[in-house]
Protein backbone atom coordinates (compact mmCIF):
# COMPACT_ATOMS: atom_id res chain seq x y z
CA MET A 1 12.07 18.78 3.90
CA ASN A 2 11.84 17.66 0.25
CA ASN A 3 8.86 19.39 -1.77
CA SER A 4 8.69 16.72 -4.43
CA ILE A 5 6.00 13.86 -4.66
CA ARG A 6 6.61 10.16 -3.87
CA PRO A 7 6.18 8.45 -6.99
CA GLU A 8 4.06 6.09 -5.23
CA ILE A 9 1.89 8.79 -4.19
CA ALA A 10 1.52 10.56 -7.40
CA ASP A 11 0.39 7.03 -8.94
CA PHE A 12 -1.88 6.83 -6.25
CA ALA A 13 -3.46 10.27 -6.52
CA GLN A 14 -4.06 9.27 -9.89
CA ARG A 15 -5.70 6.20 -9.56
CA MET A 16 -7.98 8.02 -7.09
CA GLU A 17 -8.95 11.19 -9.66
CA PHE A 18 -9.70 8.43 -12.19
CA VAL A 19 -12.54 6.96 -9.81
CA LEU A 20 -13.71 10.16 -8.92
CA GLN A 21 -14.05 11.39 -12.53
CA ASN A 22 -15.91 8.20 -13.02
CA HIS A 23 -18.63 9.30 -10.65
CA ASP A 24 -18.78 12.66 -11.38
CA SER A 25 -22.47 12.34 -12.63
CA LYS A 26 -23.30 11.41 -8.67
CA SER A 27 -23.99 13.80 -6.09
CA PRO A 28 -20.88 15.89 -5.12
CA TRP A 29 -19.53 14.31 -1.61
CA GLN A 30 -19.92 17.63 -0.06
CA ASP A 31 -23.50 16.89 0.22
CA SER A 32 -22.81 13.47 1.91
CA THR A 33 -22.78 13.57 5.80
CA GLN A 34 -19.56 12.49 7.44
CA ASN A 35 -21.76 9.42 8.95
CA PHE A 36 -22.71 8.21 5.38
CA LEU A 37 -19.20 8.63 3.77
CA GLU A 38 -18.23 6.64 7.21
CA HIS A 39 -20.63 3.73 6.62
CA MET A 40 -19.68 3.36 3.00
CA VAL A 41 -15.88 2.71 4.03
CA ARG A 42 -16.87 0.21 6.80
CA THR A 43 -19.92 -1.27 4.93
CA LYS A 44 -19.00 -1.58 1.61
CA HIS A 45 -15.49 -1.52 0.84
CA PHE A 46 -13.72 -2.32 3.67
CA ASP A 47 -14.76 -6.16 4.07
CA LYS A 48 -14.00 -6.33 0.28
CA LEU A 49 -10.21 -5.09 0.61
CA LYS A 50 -9.96 -7.47 3.53
CA TYR A 51 -10.89 -10.39 1.24
CA ALA A 52 -9.39 -9.14 -1.93
CA VAL A 53 -5.81 -9.22 0.51
CA CYS A 54 -6.41 -12.62 2.13
CA GLY A 55 -6.78 -13.94 -1.61
CA ASN A 56 -4.35 -12.39 -2.76
CA ASP A 57 -6.28 -10.46 -5.41
CA HIS A 58 -3.90 -7.67 -6.28
CA ALA A 59 -6.39 -6.22 -8.69
CA GLU A 60 -9.14 -5.92 -6.13
CA VAL A 61 -6.89 -4.73 -3.39
CA ILE A 62 -6.09 -1.96 -5.84
CA LYS A 63 -9.72 -0.83 -6.35
CA GLN A 64 -10.76 -1.40 -3.16
CA ALA A 65 -7.54 0.59 -1.66
CA THR A 66 -8.71 3.40 -3.85
CA HIS A 67 -12.28 3.60 -3.10
CA ILE A 68 -11.36 3.71 0.65
CA SER A 69 -9.21 6.21 0.13
CA ASN A 70 -11.34 8.58 -1.54
CA TYR A 71 -13.79 7.95 0.99
CA CYS A 72 -11.46 8.97 3.57
CA MET A 73 -10.38 12.17 1.18
CA MET A 74 -13.74 13.18 0.95
CA ILE A 75 -14.67 12.74 5.16
CA CYS A 76 -11.45 14.90 5.41
CA SER A 77 -12.41 17.48 2.80
CA ASN A 78 -15.90 18.16 4.74
CA ALA A 79 -14.19 18.04 8.05
CA VAL A 80 -11.81 20.69 6.89
CA ASN A 81 -14.74 22.62 5.29
CA LEU A 82 -16.85 22.29 8.63
CA GLN A 83 -13.66 23.24 10.51
CA THR A 84 -13.36 26.24 8.45
CA ARG A 85 -17.12 27.23 8.54
CA SER A 86 -16.92 26.83 12.66
CA LYS A 87 -13.78 29.18 12.69
CA SER A 88 -15.37 31.96 10.74
CA ASP A 89 -18.75 31.84 12.87
CA GLU A 90 -16.71 32.63 16.32
């Protein structure tokens, strides 16, 4: 397996990090429930992405895809932390 990161993934990760840094003043995602994070994806960003794709609004597609990906990363990060805690409690 090749250990290099694809340029598209590196670019996308930089976009995600830029957005996260712009929101550093907010409460950390580790304090959010999984349900809240999923709700944000479903109700705040998914429809915006759908409309942007249908309208060929490339800038908005990039923005909403980045937001959704950040929320998915947060959900995954919290799940990993919960799983690790669960295993340590056994």
